[in-house]
Amino acid sequence: QVQLVESGGGLVQPGGSLRLSCAASRSIFSIRFMGWYRQAPGKERELVATIFVGGSRNYGDSVKGRFTISRDIVRNTIYLQMSSLKPEDTAVYYCKAGLGSERDEYWGQGTQVTVSS
């Protein structure tokens, strides 16, 4: 069992930057992977970035080179640093944690990111 709380969303102009945070209720070392996913209205939820307990990372093709996922073990928190934001990045961003099986996957409540001039 793990609870996830996202924060940091907001309104940003194209080309701007934003950092999202996801605080977990237990040690990140006890979580096999954590990640960020996003969903725009009328579209399916898609992978943004993941980080595994060993430190490996992967990114969705649409954000490679622009977004960076990182973690703070002391704070039980992962971050998503977003730069060079585009209107197409507008979506609700969700934090996800996996403990080792499909029954042990959890989602945060989501945080809205809007990229618009």
N, C-alpha and C. Protein backbone atom coordinates (compact mmCIF):
# COMPACT_ATOMS: atom_id res chain seq x y z
N GLN A 1 0.83 -1.18 0.00
CA GLN A 1 0.00 0.00 0.00
C GLN A 1 0.88 1.25 0.00
N VAL A 2 0.54 2.20 -0.87
CA VAL A 2 1.27 3.45 -0.92
C VAL A 2 0.32 4.55 -1.40
N GLN A 3 0.42 5.70 -0.78
CA GLN A 3 -0.33 6.87 -1.20
C GLN A 3 0.61 7.83 -1.91
N LEU A 4 0.10 8.47 -2.96
CA LEU A 4 0.89 9.37 -3.79
C LEU A 4 0.19 10.71 -3.89
N VAL A 5 0.93 11.79 -3.72
CA VAL A 5 0.37 13.13 -3.79
C VAL A 5 1.20 13.96 -4.75
N GLU A 6 0.58 14.36 -5.87
CA GLU A 6 1.25 15.20 -6.86
C GLU A 6 1.05 16.68 -6.54
N SER A 7 2.00 17.49 -6.97
CA SER A 7 1.89 18.93 -6.85
C SER A 7 2.77 19.58 -7.90
N GLY A 8 2.56 20.88 -8.12
CA GLY A 8 3.41 21.64 -9.01
C GLY A 8 2.81 22.00 -10.34
N GLY A 9 1.62 21.51 -10.65
CA GLY A 9 1.00 21.84 -11.92
C GLY A 9 0.57 23.30 -11.97
N GLY A 10 0.25 23.75 -13.19
CA GLY A 10 -0.18 25.12 -13.36
C GLY A 10 -0.21 25.52 -14.81
N LEU A 11 -0.33 26.82 -15.04
CA LEU A 11 -0.37 27.41 -16.37
C LEU A 11 1.01 27.94 -16.73
N VAL A 12 1.51 27.53 -17.89
CA VAL A 12 2.85 27.91 -18.35
C VAL A 12 2.77 28.33 -19.82
N GLN A 13 3.56 29.31 -20.20
CA GLN A 13 3.63 29.71 -21.60
C GLN A 13 4.47 28.73 -22.41
N PRO A 14 4.19 28.59 -23.71
CA PRO A 14 5.04 27.74 -24.54
C PRO A 14 6.50 28.13 -24.43
N GLY A 15 7.37 27.12 -24.35
CA GLY A 15 8.79 27.34 -24.17
C GLY A 15 9.22 27.44 -22.72
N GLY A 16 8.27 27.50 -21.81
CA GLY A 16 8.57 27.63 -20.40
C GLY A 16 8.91 26.31 -19.74
N SER A 17 9.13 26.37 -18.42
CA SER A 17 9.52 25.21 -17.63
C SER A 17 8.62 25.08 -16.41
N LEU A 18 8.54 23.85 -15.91
CA LEU A 18 7.73 23.56 -14.73
C LEU A 18 8.27 22.29 -14.10
N ARG A 19 8.21 22.21 -12.77
CA ARG A 19 8.63 21.00 -12.07
C ARG A 19 7.48 20.43 -11.27
N LEU A 20 7.17 19.17 -11.52
CA LEU A 20 6.15 18.45 -10.78
C LEU A 20 6.79 17.60 -9.69
N SER A 21 6.07 17.42 -8.59
CA SER A 21 6.53 16.60 -7.48
C SER A 21 5.51 15.52 -7.17
N CYS A 22 5.99 14.36 -6.74
CA CYS A 22 5.12 13.28 -6.29
C CYS A 22 5.70 12.72 -5.01
N ALA A 23 5.02 12.94 -3.90
CA ALA A 23 5.46 12.46 -2.60
C ALA A 23 4.79 11.13 -2.28
N ALA A 24 5.58 10.12 -1.94
CA ALA A 24 5.09 8.80 -1.59
C ALA A 24 5.05 8.62 -0.08
N SER A 25 4.14 7.75 0.38
CA SER A 25 3.95 7.54 1.80
C SER A 25 4.89 6.49 2.39
N ARG A 26 5.79 5.95 1.60
CA ARG A 26 6.76 4.97 2.07
C ARG A 26 8.06 5.17 1.33
N SER A 27 9.11 4.51 1.80
CA SER A 27 10.42 4.64 1.20
C SER A 27 10.41 4.27 -0.27
N ILE A 28 11.05 5.07 -1.08
CA ILE A 28 11.15 4.77 -2.51
C ILE A 28 11.94 3.49 -2.73
N PHE A 29 12.83 3.13 -1.81
CA PHE A 29 13.57 1.88 -1.93
C PHE A 29 12.67 0.65 -1.85
N SER A 30 11.47 0.80 -1.29
CA SER A 30 10.52 -0.30 -1.19
C SER A 30 9.56 -0.36 -2.37
N ILE A 31 9.72 0.53 -3.35
CA ILE A 31 8.85 0.62 -4.51
C ILE A 31 9.66 0.23 -5.74
N ARG A 32 9.17 -0.76 -6.51
CA ARG A 32 9.94 -1.26 -7.64
C ARG A 32 10.13 -0.20 -8.72
N PHE A 33 9.07 0.55 -9.01
CA PHE A 33 9.20 1.64 -9.96
C PHE A 33 8.20 2.73 -9.63
N MET A 34 8.54 3.93 -10.03
CA MET A 34 7.63 5.06 -9.98
C MET A 34 7.71 5.79 -11.31
N GLY A 35 6.64 6.48 -11.65
CA GLY A 35 6.67 7.15 -12.93
C GLY A 35 5.60 8.20 -13.06
N TRP A 36 5.68 8.89 -14.19
CA TRP A 36 4.73 9.92 -14.56
C TRP A 36 4.02 9.51 -15.84
N TYR A 37 2.70 9.67 -15.86
CA TYR A 37 1.86 9.44 -17.01
C TYR A 37 0.98 10.67 -17.19
N ARG A 38 0.47 10.87 -18.40
CA ARG A 38 -0.39 12.01 -18.64
C ARG A 38 -1.58 11.63 -19.51
N GLN A 39 -2.66 12.39 -19.37
CA GLN A 39 -3.86 12.14 -20.14
C GLN A 39 -4.51 13.47 -20.50
N ALA A 40 -4.66 13.69 -21.80
CA ALA A 40 -5.36 14.86 -22.31
C ALA A 40 -6.81 14.48 -22.58
N PRO A 41 -7.73 15.46 -22.59
CA PRO A 41 -9.14 15.15 -22.84
C PRO A 41 -9.34 14.40 -24.16
N GLY A 42 -10.08 13.31 -24.11
CA GLY A 42 -10.36 12.53 -25.29
C GLY A 42 -9.24 11.62 -25.76
N LYS A 43 -8.14 11.57 -25.03
CA LYS A 43 -7.01 10.75 -25.42
C LYS A 43 -6.69 9.73 -24.33
N GLU A 44 -5.97 8.68 -24.72
CA GLU A 44 -5.58 7.66 -23.77
C GLU A 44 -4.41 8.13 -22.91
N ARG A 45 -4.33 7.58 -21.72
CA ARG A 45 -3.20 7.89 -20.85
C ARG A 45 -1.91 7.34 -21.45
N GLU A 46 -0.84 8.13 -21.40
CA GLU A 46 0.41 7.73 -22.02
C GLU A 46 1.58 7.88 -21.05
N LEU A 47 2.60 7.07 -21.28
CA LEU A 47 3.82 7.12 -20.48
C LEU A 47 4.57 8.41 -20.74
N VAL A 48 5.03 9.04 -19.67
CA VAL A 48 5.92 10.19 -19.77
C VAL A 48 7.34 9.79 -19.38
N ALA A 49 7.51 9.24 -18.17
CA ALA A 49 8.82 8.84 -17.69
C ALA A 49 8.68 7.90 -16.52
N THR A 50 9.63 6.97 -16.37
CA THR A 50 9.65 6.08 -15.22
C THR A 50 11.06 6.01 -14.66
N ILE A 51 11.14 5.68 -13.37
CA ILE A 51 12.42 5.43 -12.72
C ILE A 51 12.25 4.20 -11.84
N PHE A 52 13.19 3.25 -11.95
CA PHE A 52 13.13 2.01 -11.20
C PHE A 52 13.99 2.09 -9.95
N VAL A 53 13.78 1.14 -9.04
CA VAL A 53 14.44 1.20 -7.75
C VAL A 53 15.96 1.21 -7.89
N GLY A 54 16.48 0.57 -8.94
CA GLY A 54 17.92 0.56 -9.17
C GLY A 54 18.45 1.83 -9.79
N GLY A 55 17.57 2.74 -10.20
CA GLY A 55 17.99 4.02 -10.75
C GLY A 55 17.84 4.16 -12.25
N SER A 56 17.49 3.10 -12.96
CA SER A 56 17.34 3.21 -14.40
C SER A 56 16.11 4.03 -14.75
N ARG A 57 16.16 4.71 -15.89
CA ARG A 57 15.09 5.60 -16.32
C ARG A 57 14.72 5.32 -17.77
N ASN A 58 13.47 5.61 -18.11
CA ASN A 58 13.07 5.63 -19.50
C ASN A 58 12.02 6.69 -19.71
N TYR A 59 11.89 7.14 -20.97
CA TYR A 59 11.03 8.26 -21.31
C TYR A 59 10.18 7.94 -22.52
N GLY A 60 9.00 8.54 -22.56
CA GLY A 60 8.21 8.47 -23.76
C GLY A 60 8.86 9.25 -24.88
N ASP A 61 8.64 8.81 -26.12
CA ASP A 61 9.30 9.45 -27.26
C ASP A 61 8.98 10.93 -27.37
N SER A 62 7.78 11.33 -27.00
CA SER A 62 7.36 12.71 -27.19
C SER A 62 8.03 13.68 -26.24
N VAL A 63 8.69 13.18 -25.18
CA VAL A 63 9.30 14.08 -24.19
C VAL A 63 10.80 13.91 -24.07
N LYS A 64 11.38 12.99 -24.80
CA LYS A 64 12.83 12.77 -24.72
C LYS A 64 13.59 14.05 -25.06
N GLY A 65 14.57 14.36 -24.22
CA GLY A 65 15.37 15.56 -24.43
C GLY A 65 14.78 16.80 -23.81
N ARG A 66 13.54 16.75 -23.36
CA ARG A 66 12.89 17.92 -22.77
C ARG A 66 12.53 17.72 -21.30
N PHE A 67 12.18 16.49 -20.91
CA PHE A 67 11.77 16.20 -19.54
C PHE A 67 12.82 15.34 -18.86
N THR A 68 12.95 15.50 -17.54
CA THR A 68 13.87 14.71 -16.75
C THR A 68 13.18 14.23 -15.48
N ILE A 69 13.25 12.92 -15.21
CA ILE A 69 12.72 12.38 -13.97
C ILE A 69 13.87 12.19 -12.99
N SER A 70 13.63 12.50 -11.72
CA SER A 70 14.64 12.37 -10.69
C SER A 70 13.97 11.99 -9.37
N ARG A 71 14.79 11.73 -8.35
CA ARG A 71 14.23 11.32 -7.07
C ARG A 71 15.04 11.87 -5.91
N ASP A 72 14.37 12.02 -4.78
CA ASP A 72 14.97 12.43 -3.52
C ASP A 72 14.60 11.37 -2.50
N ILE A 73 15.55 10.52 -2.15
CA ILE A 73 15.27 9.39 -1.27
C ILE A 73 14.85 9.87 0.12
N VAL A 74 15.50 10.91 0.63
CA VAL A 74 15.19 11.40 1.97
C VAL A 74 13.75 11.87 2.06
N ARG A 75 13.26 12.52 1.02
CA ARG A 75 11.90 13.05 1.01
C ARG A 75 10.87 12.09 0.45
N ASN A 76 11.27 10.89 0.04
CA ASN A 76 10.35 9.92 -0.57
C ASN A 76 9.60 10.53 -1.75
N THR A 77 10.30 11.28 -2.57
CA THR A 77 9.68 12.07 -3.61
C THR A 77 10.37 11.88 -4.95
N ILE A 78 9.58 11.82 -6.01
CA ILE A 78 10.12 11.89 -7.36
C ILE A 78 9.67 13.20 -7.99
N TYR A 79 10.43 13.65 -8.98
CA TYR A 79 10.17 14.91 -9.65
C TYR A 79 10.13 14.71 -11.15
N LEU A 80 9.44 15.59 -11.82
CA LEU A 80 9.48 15.66 -13.27
C LEU A 80 9.80 17.09 -13.65
N GLN A 81 11.02 17.32 -14.12
CA GLN A 81 11.41 18.64 -14.60
C GLN A 81 11.08 18.74 -16.07
N MET A 82 10.20 19.66 -16.41
CA MET A 82 9.74 19.83 -17.77
C MET A 82 10.26 21.15 -18.32
N SER A 83 10.85 21.11 -19.49
CA SER A 83 11.36 22.30 -20.15
C SER A 83 10.92 22.30 -21.61
N SER A 84 11.09 23.45 -22.26
CA SER A 84 10.67 23.60 -23.65
C SER A 84 9.24 23.12 -23.86
N LEU A 85 8.37 23.54 -22.97
CA LEU A 85 7.00 23.04 -22.99
C LEU A 85 6.25 23.50 -24.23
N LYS A 86 5.40 22.60 -24.73
CA LYS A 86 4.60 22.83 -25.92
C LYS A 86 3.13 22.73 -25.56
N PRO A 87 2.25 23.36 -26.34
CA PRO A 87 0.82 23.19 -26.10
C PRO A 87 0.38 21.74 -26.07
N GLU A 88 1.04 20.89 -26.84
CA GLU A 88 0.72 19.47 -26.87
C GLU A 88 1.01 18.76 -25.54
N ASP A 89 1.76 19.40 -24.65
CA ASP A 89 2.04 18.83 -23.34
C ASP A 89 0.89 19.05 -22.36
N THR A 90 -0.10 19.82 -22.74
CA THR A 90 -1.24 20.09 -21.87
C THR A 90 -1.98 18.79 -21.55
N ALA A 91 -2.12 18.49 -20.26
CA ALA A 91 -2.74 17.25 -19.83
C ALA A 91 -2.81 17.23 -18.31
N VAL A 92 -3.53 16.25 -17.78
CA VAL A 92 -3.44 15.93 -16.37
C VAL A 92 -2.30 14.94 -16.21
N TYR A 93 -1.36 15.25 -15.33
CA TYR A 93 -0.20 14.41 -15.10
C TYR A 93 -0.41 13.61 -13.82
N TYR A 94 -0.23 12.29 -13.93
CA TYR A 94 -0.46 11.37 -12.82
C TYR A 94 0.84 10.69 -12.40
N CYS A 95 1.02 10.54 -11.12
CA CYS A 95 2.12 9.77 -10.57
C CYS A 95 1.67 8.33 -10.35
N LYS A 96 2.55 7.37 -10.63
CA LYS A 96 2.25 5.96 -10.47
C LYS A 96 3.36 5.26 -9.71
N ALA A 97 2.98 4.32 -8.86
CA ALA A 97 3.94 3.49 -8.15
C ALA A 97 3.57 2.03 -8.32
N GLY A 98 4.57 1.18 -8.56
CA GLY A 98 4.38 -0.25 -8.68
C GLY A 98 5.19 -0.98 -7.64
N LEU A 99 4.54 -1.87 -6.91
CA LEU A 99 5.20 -2.60 -5.83
C LEU A 99 5.63 -4.00 -6.23
N GLY A 100 5.31 -4.44 -7.46
CA GLY A 100 5.78 -5.73 -7.92
C GLY A 100 4.77 -6.59 -8.64
N SER A 101 3.50 -6.25 -8.61
CA SER A 101 2.46 -6.98 -9.32
C SER A 101 1.35 -6.02 -9.71
N GLU A 102 0.47 -6.45 -10.62
CA GLU A 102 -0.63 -5.60 -11.05
C GLU A 102 -1.57 -5.24 -9.91
N ARG A 103 -1.71 -6.10 -8.92
CA ARG A 103 -2.54 -5.81 -7.76
C ARG A 103 -1.93 -4.73 -6.89
N ASP A 104 -0.66 -4.47 -7.04
CA ASP A 104 0.04 -3.52 -6.19
C ASP A 104 0.55 -2.34 -6.99
N GLU A 105 -0.31 -1.79 -7.84
CA GLU A 105 -0.02 -0.57 -8.58
C GLU A 105 -0.98 0.52 -8.11
N TYR A 106 -0.44 1.71 -7.91
CA TYR A 106 -1.21 2.80 -7.32
C TYR A 106 -1.01 4.08 -8.11
N TRP A 107 -2.03 4.93 -8.08
CA TRP A 107 -2.03 6.19 -8.79
C TRP A 107 -2.29 7.35 -7.85
N GLY A 108 -1.68 8.48 -8.14
CA GLY A 108 -2.02 9.71 -7.46
C GLY A 108 -3.27 10.34 -8.06
N GLN A 109 -3.68 11.48 -7.52
CA GLN A 109 -4.91 12.11 -7.95
C GLN A 109 -4.76 12.93 -9.23
N GLY A 110 -3.54 13.23 -9.62
CA GLY A 110 -3.28 14.00 -10.82
C GLY A 110 -3.11 15.48 -10.55
N THR A 111 -2.35 16.14 -11.42
CA THR A 111 -2.19 17.59 -11.36
C THR A 111 -2.23 18.14 -12.78
N GLN A 112 -2.97 19.22 -12.96
CA GLN A 112 -3.19 19.79 -14.29
C GLN A 112 -2.01 20.64 -14.73
N VAL A 113 -1.54 20.39 -15.94
CA VAL A 113 -0.53 21.22 -16.59
C VAL A 113 -1.15 21.78 -17.86
N THR A 114 -1.15 23.10 -17.98
CA THR A 114 -1.69 23.76 -19.16
C THR A 114 -0.61 24.64 -19.78
N VAL A 115 -0.31 24.41 -21.05
CA VAL A 115 0.69 25.18 -21.77
C VAL A 115 -0.04 26.02 -22.81
N SER A 116 -0.07 27.31 -22.60
CA SER A 116 -0.84 28.20 -23.46
C SER A 116 -0.32 29.62 -23.34
N SER A 117 -0.41 30.36 -24.43
CA SER A 117 -0.05 31.77 -24.42
C SER A 117 -1.26 32.66 -24.19
